[in-house]
Amino acid sequence: MNVFSNIRVFLVRFYSFFLSNRKSKVIFYHDLHSDIKYTDMSTPLNLFVEHVNIIRNSGYEIVNKINKEKGQIEISFDDGFLGVYDNINVIRDLNIPIQLFVVSSYLGRKNHINKDQLLELSLLSQVTISSHTHNHYRLDSLQENEVLYDLEMSKKVIEGLINEKIASICFPEGIFNLKIINIARKVGFSCLYISIPGFYSDFFLPGVIKRSLVQFASANEFKAILRGGDHILYWWYKYKHYIQS
């Protein structure tokens, strides 16, 4: 762990001591692994299980969609890496719902799920399929018509494969601005997930939902994040991810 990471963990844990609420929160990962690791962003399976146990032992309910201000946690995975599919039995055994944000052009690419696996996952009651765009381009680098095409194509491809409407999207690299938000809404996405930490009820904008990245968090750091300790880094994350248009 480098110096910056050590400082970050210290700040998150320190700030959490001043918070005592149990407000609902969205957390996210990229992948899971036991033996085979498909990405450096993958979380060891035993650490993920430990996180789930901490959530439950802390009195939270893990839900498909948050509908209460307090006491609920949503879990999501970005990119559609193959490790989620490989370890889906663990998720089923834990009896937890997850949301899988899929890059539609990555289906069948090395280290990612294919179309048949996507359909298989979509039929499970524990899994909700959503969009992570079509090409995983950094959207602020595109023209408006290119953003529109990328989001429309993602929605079309995924809905065509799973035969179900999707309403949620998260943005590649967490980068977004007001133009991107408006285009996403125009395409038909009503739940826009970002990578800036915050409680679920504390929308960045209406329908723009904050999330906390927890994929490498130790037990103590994870407990602090659940309490909102990572909110001390809100302005840093906003500067990093919200690109003024």
C-alpha atoms as a PDB file:
ATOM      1  CA  MET A   1       0.000   0.000   0.000  1.00  0.00           C
ATOM      2  CA  ASN A   2       1.478   3.366  -1.026  1.00  0.00           C
ATOM      3  CA  VAL A   3       1.600   6.549   1.039  1.00  0.00           C
ATOM      4  CA  PHE A   4      -1.512   8.009  -0.617  1.00  0.00           C
ATOM      5  CA  SER A   5      -3.503   4.843   0.111  1.00  0.00           C
ATOM      6  CA  ASN A   6      -2.396   4.862   3.733  1.00  0.00           C
ATOM      7  CA  ILE A   7      -3.463   8.497   4.129  1.00  0.00           C
ATOM      8  CA  ARG A   8      -6.791   7.768   2.430  1.00  0.00           C
ATOM      9  CA  VAL A   9      -7.551   4.826   4.727  1.00  0.00           C
ATOM     10  CA  PHE A  10      -6.598   6.875   7.788  1.00  0.00           C
ATOM     11  CA  LEU A  11      -8.904   9.736   6.777  1.00  0.00           C
ATOM     12  CA  VAL A  12     -11.800   7.387   6.018  1.00  0.00           C
ATOM     13  CA  ARG A  13     -11.500   5.557   9.341  1.00  0.00           C
ATOM     14  CA  PHE A  14     -10.956   8.771  11.327  1.00  0.00           C
ATOM     15  CA  TYR A  15     -13.954  10.547   9.801  1.00  0.00           C
ATOM     16  CA  SER A  16     -16.209   7.534  10.363  1.00  0.00           C
ATOM     17  CA  PHE A  17     -15.863   7.869  14.136  1.00  0.00           C
ATOM     18  CA  PHE A  18     -17.932  11.061  13.968  1.00  0.00           C
ATOM     19  CA  LEU A  19     -20.806   9.299  12.167  1.00  0.00           C
ATOM     20  CA  SER A  20     -23.341   7.084  13.871  1.00  0.00           C
ATOM     21  CA  ASN A  21     -26.218   6.782  11.391  1.00  0.00           C
ATOM     22  CA  ARG A  22     -27.062   3.719   9.319  1.00  0.00           C
ATOM     23  CA  LYS A  23     -28.183   5.433   6.128  1.00  0.00           C
ATOM     24  CA  SER A  24     -28.647   3.288   3.039  1.00  0.00           C
ATOM     25  CA  LYS A  25     -25.727   3.133   0.642  1.00  0.00           C
ATOM     26  CA  VAL A  26     -24.620   1.701  -2.713  1.00  0.00           C
ATOM     27  CA  ILE A  27     -21.226  -0.050  -2.858  1.00  0.00           C
ATOM     28  CA  PHE A  28     -19.450  -1.435  -5.892  1.00  0.00           C
ATOM     29  CA  TYR A  29     -16.776  -3.829  -7.080  1.00  0.00           C
ATOM     30  CA  HIS A  30     -15.418  -4.919 -10.465  1.00  0.00           C
ATOM     31  CA  ASP A  31     -14.953  -8.681 -10.190  1.00  0.00           C
ATOM     32  CA  LEU A  32     -14.413 -11.659  -7.887  1.00  0.00           C
ATOM     33  CA  HIS A  33     -11.756 -14.357  -7.898  1.00  0.00           C
ATOM     34  CA  SER A  34     -10.659 -17.443  -6.042  1.00  0.00           C
ATOM     35  CA  ASP A  35      -8.131 -19.198  -8.277  1.00  0.00           C
ATOM     36  CA  ILE A  36      -8.450 -17.401 -11.613  1.00  0.00           C
ATOM     37  CA  LYS A  37      -8.082 -13.621 -11.664  1.00  0.00           C
ATOM     38  CA  TYR A  38      -9.425 -11.830 -14.766  1.00  0.00           C
ATOM     39  CA  THR A  39      -8.523  -8.256 -13.804  1.00  0.00           C
ATOM     40  CA  ASP A  40      -6.281  -6.452 -11.349  1.00  0.00           C
ATOM     41  CA  MET A  41      -9.443  -4.789 -10.039  1.00  0.00           C
ATOM     42  CA  SER A  42     -10.787  -8.151  -8.835  1.00  0.00           C
ATOM     43  CA  THR A  43     -11.687  -8.760  -5.196  1.00  0.00           C
ATOM     44  CA  PRO A  44     -10.608 -11.987  -3.461  1.00  0.00           C
ATOM     45  CA  LEU A  45     -13.676 -14.128  -2.855  1.00  0.00           C
ATOM     46  CA  ASN A  46     -12.952 -14.527   0.854  1.00  0.00           C
ATOM     47  CA  LEU A  47     -12.755 -10.730   1.263  1.00  0.00           C
ATOM     48  CA  PHE A  48     -16.088 -10.302  -0.507  1.00  0.00           C
ATOM     49  CA  VAL A  49     -17.709 -12.883   1.779  1.00  0.00           C
ATOM     50  CA  GLU A  50     -16.225 -11.033   4.753  1.00  0.00           C
ATOM     51  CA  HIS A  51     -17.772  -7.790   3.471  1.00  0.00           C
ATOM     52  CA  VAL A  52     -21.184  -9.450   3.175  1.00  0.00           C
ATOM     53  CA  ASN A  53     -20.922 -10.788   6.710  1.00  0.00           C
ATOM     54  CA  ILE A  54     -19.947  -7.333   8.011  1.00  0.00           C
ATOM     55  CA  ILE A  55     -22.967  -5.796   6.267  1.00  0.00           C
ATOM     56  CA  ARG A  56     -25.331  -8.299   7.849  1.00  0.00           C
ATOM     57  CA  ASN A  57     -23.688  -8.223  11.269  1.00  0.00           C
ATOM     58  CA  SER A  58     -23.974  -4.431  11.203  1.00  0.00           C
ATOM     59  CA  GLY A  59     -27.739  -4.743  10.837  1.00  0.00           C
ATOM     60  CA  TYR A  60     -28.087  -3.824   7.156  1.00  0.00           C
ATOM     61  CA  GLU A  61     -30.298  -5.579   4.623  1.00  0.00           C
ATOM     62  CA  ILE A  62     -28.786  -6.251   1.187  1.00  0.00           C
ATOM     63  CA  VAL A  63     -31.421  -5.363  -1.386  1.00  0.00           C
ATOM     64  CA  ASN A  64     -31.916  -5.292  -5.129  1.00  0.00           C
ATOM     65  CA  LYS A  65     -33.112  -1.677  -4.997  1.00  0.00           C
ATOM     66  CA  ILE A  66     -32.908   0.671  -2.020  1.00  0.00           C
ATOM     67  CA  ASN A  67     -36.313   1.932  -0.907  1.00  0.00           C
ATOM     68  CA  LYS A  68     -35.586   3.020   2.653  1.00  0.00           C
ATOM     69  CA  GLU A  69     -33.473   5.900   3.907  1.00  0.00           C
ATOM     70  CA  LYS A  70     -31.728   3.699   6.445  1.00  0.00           C
ATOM     71  CA  GLY A  71     -30.580   0.123   6.825  1.00  0.00           C
ATOM     72  CA  GLN A  72     -30.166  -1.027   3.216  1.00  0.00           C
ATOM     73  CA  ILE A  73     -27.184  -1.760   0.971  1.00  0.00           C
ATOM     74  CA  GLU A  74     -27.047  -2.221  -2.806  1.00  0.00           C
ATOM     75  CA  ILE A  75     -24.126  -4.160  -4.313  1.00  0.00           C
ATOM     76  CA  SER A  76     -23.015  -3.663  -7.909  1.00  0.00           C
ATOM     77  CA  PHE A  77     -20.253  -4.889 -10.213  1.00  0.00           C
ATOM     78  CA  ASP A  78     -18.888  -2.921 -13.179  1.00  0.00           C
ATOM     79  CA  ASP A  79     -17.691  -4.148 -16.608  1.00  0.00           C
ATOM     80  CA  GLY A  80     -19.043  -7.717 -16.777  1.00  0.00           C
ATOM     81  CA  PHE A  81     -15.861  -9.608 -15.986  1.00  0.00           C
ATOM     82  CA  LEU A  82     -15.981 -13.391 -16.028  1.00  0.00           C
ATOM     83  CA  GLY A  83     -15.216 -13.861 -12.337  1.00  0.00           C
ATOM     84  CA  VAL A  84     -18.750 -12.898 -11.329  1.00  0.00           C
ATOM     85  CA  TYR A  85     -20.069 -15.704 -13.539  1.00  0.00           C
ATOM     86  CA  ASP A  86     -17.471 -18.189 -12.255  1.00  0.00           C
ATOM     87  CA  ASN A  87     -18.433 -17.439  -8.652  1.00  0.00           C
ATOM     88  CA  ILE A  88     -22.171 -16.966  -9.049  1.00  0.00           C
ATOM     89  CA  ASN A  89     -22.847 -20.012  -6.849  1.00  0.00           C
ATOM     90  CA  VAL A  90     -21.254 -18.156  -3.942  1.00  0.00           C
ATOM     91  CA  ILE A  91     -23.577 -15.217  -4.543  1.00  0.00           C
ATOM     92  CA  ARG A  92     -26.523 -17.604  -4.710  1.00  0.00           C
ATOM     93  CA  ASP A  93     -25.420 -19.367  -1.504  1.00  0.00           C
ATOM     94  CA  LEU A  94     -25.093 -16.015   0.250  1.00  0.00           C
ATOM     95  CA  ASN A  95     -28.578 -15.203  -1.080  1.00  0.00           C
ATOM     96  CA  ILE A  96     -27.722 -11.645  -2.005  1.00  0.00           C
ATOM     97  CA  PRO A  97     -28.907  -9.560  -4.965  1.00  0.00           C
ATOM     98  CA  ILE A  98     -26.331  -7.851  -7.174  1.00  0.00           C
ATOM     99  CA  GLN A  99     -26.501  -5.420 -10.071  1.00  0.00           C
ATOM    100  CA  LEU A 100     -24.177  -6.157 -12.983  1.00  0.00           C
ATOM    101  CA  PHE A 101     -23.247  -3.190 -15.191  1.00  0.00           C
ATOM    102  CA  VAL A 102     -22.284  -4.640 -18.575  1.00  0.00           C
ATOM    103  CA  VAL A 103     -20.272  -3.127 -21.427  1.00  0.00           C
ATOM    104  CA  SER A 104     -22.275  -4.476 -24.347  1.00  0.00           C
ATOM    105  CA  SER A 105     -19.445  -4.543 -26.935  1.00  0.00           C
ATOM    106  CA  TYR A 106     -17.245  -6.450 -24.456  1.00  0.00           C
ATOM    107  CA  LEU A 107     -19.557  -9.486 -24.416  1.00  0.00           C
ATOM    108  CA  GLY A 108     -17.465 -12.463 -25.494  1.00  0.00           C
ATOM    109  CA  ARG A 109     -14.209 -10.553 -25.201  1.00  0.00           C
ATOM    110  CA  LYS A 110     -11.353 -12.208 -23.315  1.00  0.00           C
ATOM    111  CA  ASN A 111     -11.932 -12.164 -19.530  1.00  0.00           C
ATOM    112  CA  HIS A 112     -15.561 -11.005 -19.923  1.00  0.00           C
ATOM    113  CA  ILE A 113     -18.860 -12.866 -19.973  1.00  0.00           C
ATOM    114  CA  ASN A 114     -20.372 -13.775 -23.324  1.00  0.00           C
ATOM    115  CA  LYS A 115     -23.940 -13.382 -24.558  1.00  0.00           C
ATOM    116  CA  ASP A 116     -25.074 -16.813 -23.386  1.00  0.00           C
ATOM    117  CA  GLN A 117     -23.621 -16.230 -19.922  1.00  0.00           C
ATOM    118  CA  LEU A 118     -25.298 -12.826 -19.754  1.00  0.00           C
ATOM    119  CA  LEU A 119     -28.652 -14.402 -20.535  1.00  0.00           C
ATOM    120  CA  GLU A 120     -28.030 -17.139 -17.962  1.00  0.00           C
ATOM    121  CA  LEU A 121     -27.227 -14.560 -15.285  1.00  0.00           C
ATOM    122  CA  SER A 122     -30.228 -12.421 -16.214  1.00  0.00           C
ATOM    123  CA  LEU A 123     -32.560 -15.342 -15.479  1.00  0.00           C
ATOM    124  CA  LEU A 124     -31.367 -15.561 -11.872  1.00  0.00           C
ATOM    125  CA  SER A 125     -33.471 -13.759  -9.288  1.00  0.00           C
ATOM    126  CA  GLN A 126     -30.295 -12.505  -7.594  1.00  0.00           C
ATOM    127  CA  VAL A 127     -28.966 -10.651 -10.666  1.00  0.00           C
ATOM    128  CA  THR A 128     -30.084  -7.401 -12.282  1.00  0.00           C
ATOM    129  CA  ILE A 129     -28.453  -6.531 -15.593  1.00  0.00           C
ATOM    130  CA  SER A 130     -27.742  -2.860 -16.363  1.00  0.00           C
ATOM    131  CA  SER A 131     -25.632  -0.776 -18.758  1.00  0.00           C
ATOM    132  CA  HIS A 132     -22.033   0.362 -18.552  1.00  0.00           C
ATOM    133  CA  THR A 133     -22.319   1.812 -22.093  1.00  0.00           C
ATOM    134  CA  HIS A 134     -21.556   0.057 -25.382  1.00  0.00           C
ATOM    135  CA  ASN A 135     -17.834   0.733 -25.846  1.00  0.00           C
ATOM    136  CA  HIS A 136     -16.643   1.909 -22.424  1.00  0.00           C
ATOM    137  CA  TYR A 137     -15.390   5.154 -23.936  1.00  0.00           C
ATOM    138  CA  ARG A 138     -14.746   8.075 -21.656  1.00  0.00           C
ATOM    139  CA  LEU A 139     -17.955   9.892 -22.514  1.00  0.00           C
ATOM    140  CA  ASP A 140     -16.712  13.449 -22.029  1.00  0.00           C
ATOM    141  CA  SER A 141     -14.242  12.846 -24.884  1.00  0.00           C
ATOM    142  CA  LEU A 142     -17.080  12.189 -27.369  1.00  0.00           C
ATOM    143  CA  GLN A 143     -19.345  14.474 -29.343  1.00  0.00           C
ATOM    144  CA  GLU A 144     -22.964  14.587 -28.167  1.00  0.00           C
ATOM    145  CA  ASN A 145     -24.178  12.486 -31.113  1.00  0.00           C
ATOM    146  CA  GLU A 146     -21.495   9.892 -30.308  1.00  0.00           C
ATOM    147  CA  VAL A 147     -22.575   9.732 -26.660  1.00  0.00           C
ATOM    148  CA  LEU A 148     -26.182   9.324 -27.784  1.00  0.00           C
ATOM    149  CA  TYR A 149     -25.242   6.483 -30.150  1.00  0.00           C
ATOM    150  CA  ASP A 150     -23.124   4.704 -27.512  1.00  0.00           C
ATOM    151  CA  LEU A 151     -25.874   4.769 -24.890  1.00  0.00           C
ATOM    152  CA  GLU A 152     -28.651   3.880 -27.322  1.00  0.00           C
ATOM    153  CA  MET A 153     -26.650   0.956 -28.709  1.00  0.00           C
ATOM    154  CA  SER A 154     -25.905  -0.349 -25.216  1.00  0.00           C
ATOM    155  CA  LYS A 155     -29.575  -0.267 -24.276  1.00  0.00           C
ATOM    156  CA  LYS A 156     -30.618  -1.876 -27.570  1.00  0.00           C
ATOM    157  CA  VAL A 157     -28.072  -4.701 -27.383  1.00  0.00           C
ATOM    158  CA  ILE A 158     -28.667  -5.607 -23.743  1.00  0.00           C
ATOM    159  CA  GLU A 159     -32.457  -5.391 -23.916  1.00  0.00           C
ATOM    160  CA  GLY A 160     -32.420  -7.475 -27.088  1.00  0.00           C
ATOM    161  CA  LEU A 161     -30.378 -10.193 -25.410  1.00  0.00           C
ATOM    162  CA  ILE A 162     -32.241 -10.460 -22.112  1.00  0.00           C
ATOM    163  CA  ASN A 163     -35.676  -9.455 -23.456  1.00  0.00           C
ATOM    164  CA  GLU A 164     -36.163  -7.037 -20.596  1.00  0.00           C
ATOM    165  CA  LYS A 165     -36.100  -3.255 -20.229  1.00  0.00           C
ATOM    166  CA  ILE A 166     -33.153  -1.766 -18.401  1.00  0.00           C
ATOM    167  CA  ALA A 167     -33.283   1.579 -16.609  1.00  0.00           C
ATOM    168  CA  SER A 168     -29.877   1.877 -14.926  1.00  0.00           C
ATOM    169  CA  ILE A 169     -26.446   2.895 -16.179  1.00  0.00           C
ATOM    170  CA  CYS A 170     -23.054   3.722 -14.694  1.00  0.00           C
ATOM    171  CA  PHE A 171     -20.462   5.783 -16.529  1.00  0.00           C
ATOM    172  CA  PRO A 172     -17.019   4.518 -17.690  1.00  0.00           C
ATOM    173  CA  GLU A 173     -14.173   5.621 -15.415  1.00  0.00           C
ATOM    174  CA  GLY A 174     -16.869   7.366 -13.367  1.00  0.00           C
ATOM    175  CA  ILE A 175     -16.607  10.402 -15.665  1.00  0.00           C
ATOM    176  CA  PHE A 176     -19.743  12.436 -16.344  1.00  0.00           C
ATOM    177  CA  ASN A 177     -21.185  15.928 -16.746  1.00  0.00           C
ATOM    178  CA  LEU A 178     -24.595  17.551 -17.179  1.00  0.00           C
ATOM    179  CA  LYS A 179     -24.680  16.907 -20.928  1.00  0.00           C
ATOM    180  CA  ILE A 180     -24.037  13.206 -20.381  1.00  0.00           C
ATOM    181  CA  ILE A 181     -26.723  13.059 -17.679  1.00  0.00           C
ATOM    182  CA  ASN A 182     -29.260  14.691 -19.985  1.00  0.00           C
ATOM    183  CA  ILE A 183     -28.420  12.367 -22.880  1.00  0.00           C
ATOM    184  CA  ALA A 184     -28.722   9.312 -20.626  1.00  0.00           C
ATOM    185  CA  ARG A 185     -32.147  10.464 -19.501  1.00  0.00           C
ATOM    186  CA  LYS A 186     -33.152  11.079 -23.119  1.00  0.00           C
ATOM    187  CA  VAL A 187     -32.198   7.500 -24.005  1.00  0.00           C
ATOM    188  CA  GLY A 188     -34.412   6.217 -21.204  1.00  0.00           C
ATOM    189  CA  PHE A 189     -32.085   5.650 -18.271  1.00  0.00           C
ATOM    190  CA  SER A 190     -33.711   6.846 -15.060  1.00  0.00           C
ATOM    191  CA  CYS A 191     -31.131   5.623 -12.517  1.00  0.00           C
ATOM    192  CA  LEU A 192     -27.652   7.001 -13.179  1.00  0.00           C
ATOM    193  CA  TYR A 193     -24.946   5.572 -10.920  1.00  0.00           C
ATOM    194  CA  ILE A 194     -21.747   7.546 -10.350  1.00  0.00           C
ATOM    195  CA  SER A 195     -18.451   6.864  -8.553  1.00  0.00           C
ATOM    196  CA  ILE A 196     -18.661   9.667  -6.006  1.00  0.00           C
ATOM    197  CA  PRO A 197     -19.286   8.481  -2.412  1.00  0.00           C
ATOM    198  CA  GLY A 198     -22.432   9.410  -0.528  1.00  0.00           C
ATOM    199  CA  PHE A 199     -25.582   7.977   0.992  1.00  0.00           C
ATOM    200  CA  TYR A 200     -28.354   6.820  -1.323  1.00  0.00           C
ATOM    201  CA  SER A 201     -30.787   9.505  -0.191  1.00  0.00           C
ATOM    202  CA  ASP A 202     -28.207  12.206  -0.879  1.00  0.00           C
ATOM    203  CA  PHE A 203     -28.590  12.372  -4.676  1.00  0.00           C
ATOM    204  CA  PHE A 204     -25.929  14.245  -6.630  1.00  0.00           C
ATOM    205  CA  LEU A 205     -28.835  15.340  -8.836  1.00  0.00           C
ATOM    206  CA  PRO A 206     -32.323  13.769  -9.074  1.00  0.00           C
ATOM    207  CA  GLY A 207     -31.813  10.167 -10.119  1.00  0.00           C
ATOM    208  CA  VAL A 208     -28.010  10.451  -9.986  1.00  0.00           C
ATOM    209  CA  ILE A 209     -26.948   7.935  -7.357  1.00  0.00           C
ATOM    210  CA  LYS A 210     -23.681   8.027  -5.435  1.00  0.00           C
ATOM    211  CA  ARG A 211     -21.630   4.869  -4.874  1.00  0.00           C
ATOM    212  CA  SER A 212     -18.628   3.851  -2.799  1.00  0.00           C
ATOM    213  CA  LEU A 213     -15.821   1.718  -4.263  1.00  0.00           C
ATOM    214  CA  VAL A 214     -14.930  -1.007  -1.750  1.00  0.00           C
ATOM    215  CA  GLN A 215     -13.169  -3.693  -3.780  1.00  0.00           C
ATOM    216  CA  PHE A 216      -9.913  -3.709  -1.793  1.00  0.00           C
ATOM    217  CA  ALA A 217     -11.207  -2.440   1.569  1.00  0.00           C
ATOM    218  CA  SER A 218      -9.988  -4.249   4.678  1.00  0.00           C
ATOM    219  CA  ALA A 219     -12.563  -5.165   7.304  1.00  0.00           C
ATOM    220  CA  ASN A 220     -11.954  -1.997   9.339  1.00  0.00           C
ATOM    221  CA  GLU A 221     -11.931   0.274   6.304  1.00  0.00           C
ATOM    222  CA  PHE A 222     -15.095  -1.380   5.003  1.00  0.00           C
ATOM    223  CA  LYS A 223     -16.901  -0.786   8.302  1.00  0.00           C
ATOM    224  CA  ALA A 224     -15.819   2.851   8.141  1.00  0.00           C
ATOM    225  CA  ILE A 225     -17.119   3.196   4.571  1.00  0.00           C
ATOM    226  CA  LEU A 226     -20.497   1.754   5.555  1.00  0.00           C
ATOM    227  CA  ARG A 227     -20.751   4.503   8.165  1.00  0.00           C
ATOM    228  CA  GLY A 228     -19.879   7.113   5.544  1.00  0.00           C
ATOM    229  CA  GLY A 229     -16.209   7.627   6.333  1.00  0.00           C
ATOM    230  CA  ASP A 230     -15.263   7.910   2.669  1.00  0.00           C
ATOM    231  CA  HIS A 231     -17.512  10.976   2.347  1.00  0.00           C
ATOM    232  CA  ILE A 232     -14.596  13.005   3.654  1.00  0.00           C
ATOM    233  CA  LEU A 233     -13.148  12.489   0.153  1.00  0.00           C
ATOM    234  CA  TYR A 234     -16.296  13.736  -1.590  1.00  0.00           C
ATOM    235  CA  TRP A 235     -14.752  16.867  -3.067  1.00  0.00           C
ATOM    236  CA  TRP A 236     -11.688  14.973  -4.332  1.00  0.00           C
ATOM    237  CA  TYR A 237     -13.900  12.406  -6.062  1.00  0.00           C
ATOM    238  CA  LYS A 238     -16.133  15.141  -7.472  1.00  0.00           C
ATOM    239  CA  TYR A 239     -13.104  16.968  -8.882  1.00  0.00           C
ATOM    240  CA  LYS A 240     -11.849  13.707 -10.394  1.00  0.00           C
ATOM    241  CA  HIS A 241     -15.147  12.497 -11.912  1.00  0.00           C
ATOM    242  CA  TYR A 242     -17.458  15.449 -12.544  1.00  0.00           C
ATOM    243  CA  ILE A 243     -16.100  17.234 -15.587  1.00  0.00           C
ATOM    244  CA  GLN A 244     -17.761  20.606 -16.054  1.00  0.00           C
ATOM    245  CA  SER A 245     -19.321  20.845 -19.511  1.00  0.00           C
END
